[in-house]
Amino acid sequence: MKGSVVHWLKSVTVIFFSLDISLDLVFADPSDVESHLEQGKKFLQAGQLQDALLHYTAAVEGDPSNYLTYFKRAAVYLAIGQSKKALPDLDMTVQLKPDFYKARLQKGNTLLKLGKVPEAEADFNTLISEGPLKAEAEAQLSLIPVLKNAVSSARSFMVNNDFHPAIELLGEAIEISPWDVGLREMRAECYEAVGMFQSAISDIKMTSRLVNDNTEAFMRMSLLYYFLGEESDSLREIRECLRLDPDHKECFPHYKKVKKLDKQLRSAEEHMDNGRYAEAAEKLLSSLSTEGEIPQFLLRIREKLCHCYYRLDNYSAGMEWCGLALELDPENMDVLCDRAELFISHQEYEEAIKDYQTANGVENHPRKVDEGLQKAQRLLKQSQKRDYYKILGVSRTASKSEVTKAYRKLARKWHPDAYDGEDREKAEKMFLDIAAAKEVLTDPDLRQRFDNGEDPLDAEQNSGGFHHGGPFGFPFGGQGFTFKFRYT
């Protein structure tokens, strides 16, 4: 019994509370409504649309029978792109004041932009038969046959997989009905079919704004960004899908894959930025197990692996990954330059010149291409005279200790005191070349000049230099010379 009384008292309280609210609305102070309308107008003029919307909503609630409050709120909804919310207010406006023809014209225009053709036709015909806005209504009504014809023709082209004319026709239709979700989706489908993915994304993005909780649009945009090799944008869109539906059966597995790939590529970039090329290569190789099919990702990963192995002076791996990258993009200037430098480091100057010439043929190529080509040509010319790396049998990336070790080994073989062959002139020349190679390759400045294609000991290129007296002050080439030598 006691519980029943409590329940009755609660019910009565709710009834009186509801009645109190209703009475407040019915007997709202007209001055309050006018104040909200005035404030709404001020905010609207200042471009503060959300604030204007709050005041117009308060005015509607304060006086639900005032057609003007609905019309003004509808104007704000249209200004902030919420056309579907504007329609009920425009409907209410013409219901409360059927001869408010400006509102009916706005309603018809909004319906036409949304692609609701029959309803728009009805409003325009009413205006033609009744109102003073006949000319405006006739002009809008004349657009409907154009719209219908464009859409019908576009569908026919799409059936025959002729997408370019379909895109053009749908563009004409969208000019008339820019808020028609179906038209945007059709054109996005055409854009995808011809590989214009950014344009497809733009249309799909619009549908995500026109339709609430449009998880399909966010999923589709994420997939398109992914196909373009833009993992960060793909991740952003798929997160929007999961925000709307955390358990979405398609968005969630795609999210896990994109997140993993994004993390791997970011880690590789960080390692490369800090000169840790071995660690970067490891991350890049692991990313291929996450994504090994999408061409844009494959190109990026192969390009970065090419660069890593070039910086690591790993000739075989560098050649492999540079070659694989060029299979996807034969004119990739970064890859061509990296491979050219790998060729140079292994004295393959003619091959380096070919790569630099290919890069040089690409429009708007960077300055490093011209500089690299000139260097490779100088080195080729230089190699036809005297190549200090070849003389010592070391690579262009050999350390100072490796150069010294190679020098000592050859010096023992060709030192005139130790040489027991018959061709002593050859031994003298070989030893001179060995000594010159050591001098150049163990001196950072001389070595840099040589690496840039200049022989710092060539009398033709220098006013002074190495004049076959040797770096140790003894002359070779005469008879009966004697000297002592230390292998340092």
Foldseek 3Di string as FASTA:
>chain_A
DVVVVVVVVVVVVVVVVVVVLVVCQVPPDVVLLVVLCVQLVVCVVVVVLVSSLVSLVVSCSNPVLDLVSLQVNLVSCVVVPNLVVSLVSLVSSCVSPVQPLVSLLVNLQSCQLQVVPVVSLVSLVCCCPDHPCVVVSVVLNVCVVLLVVLQVVLVVCVVVVNLPSSLVSLVSNCVSHVNHLVSLQSNLVSCVSVVVLVSSLVSLVSSPVSDDLPLVSLQVNLVSCVLQVNLVSSLVSLVVSCVSPVVPPRSVVVNVLSVVLVVLQVVLVVCVVVVNLVVSLVSLVVSCVSPVPRLNSLLVSLLSQLQSCLSVLVLVSNVVSLVVNCVSPVQPLSSLQSNLSSCVQAPVLVSSLVSLVSNVPDPPRDPVSVQSNVQSVLLVVVVVPADLCVLLVHTLPDDLVSLLVSLLVVCCDLVLVNDDDDPVVVSLVSNQSSQLSNVQVNDVVSSVCVSSNDRQQDVVRDVDHPDQCGPVRHHDDDPDDDDDDDSD
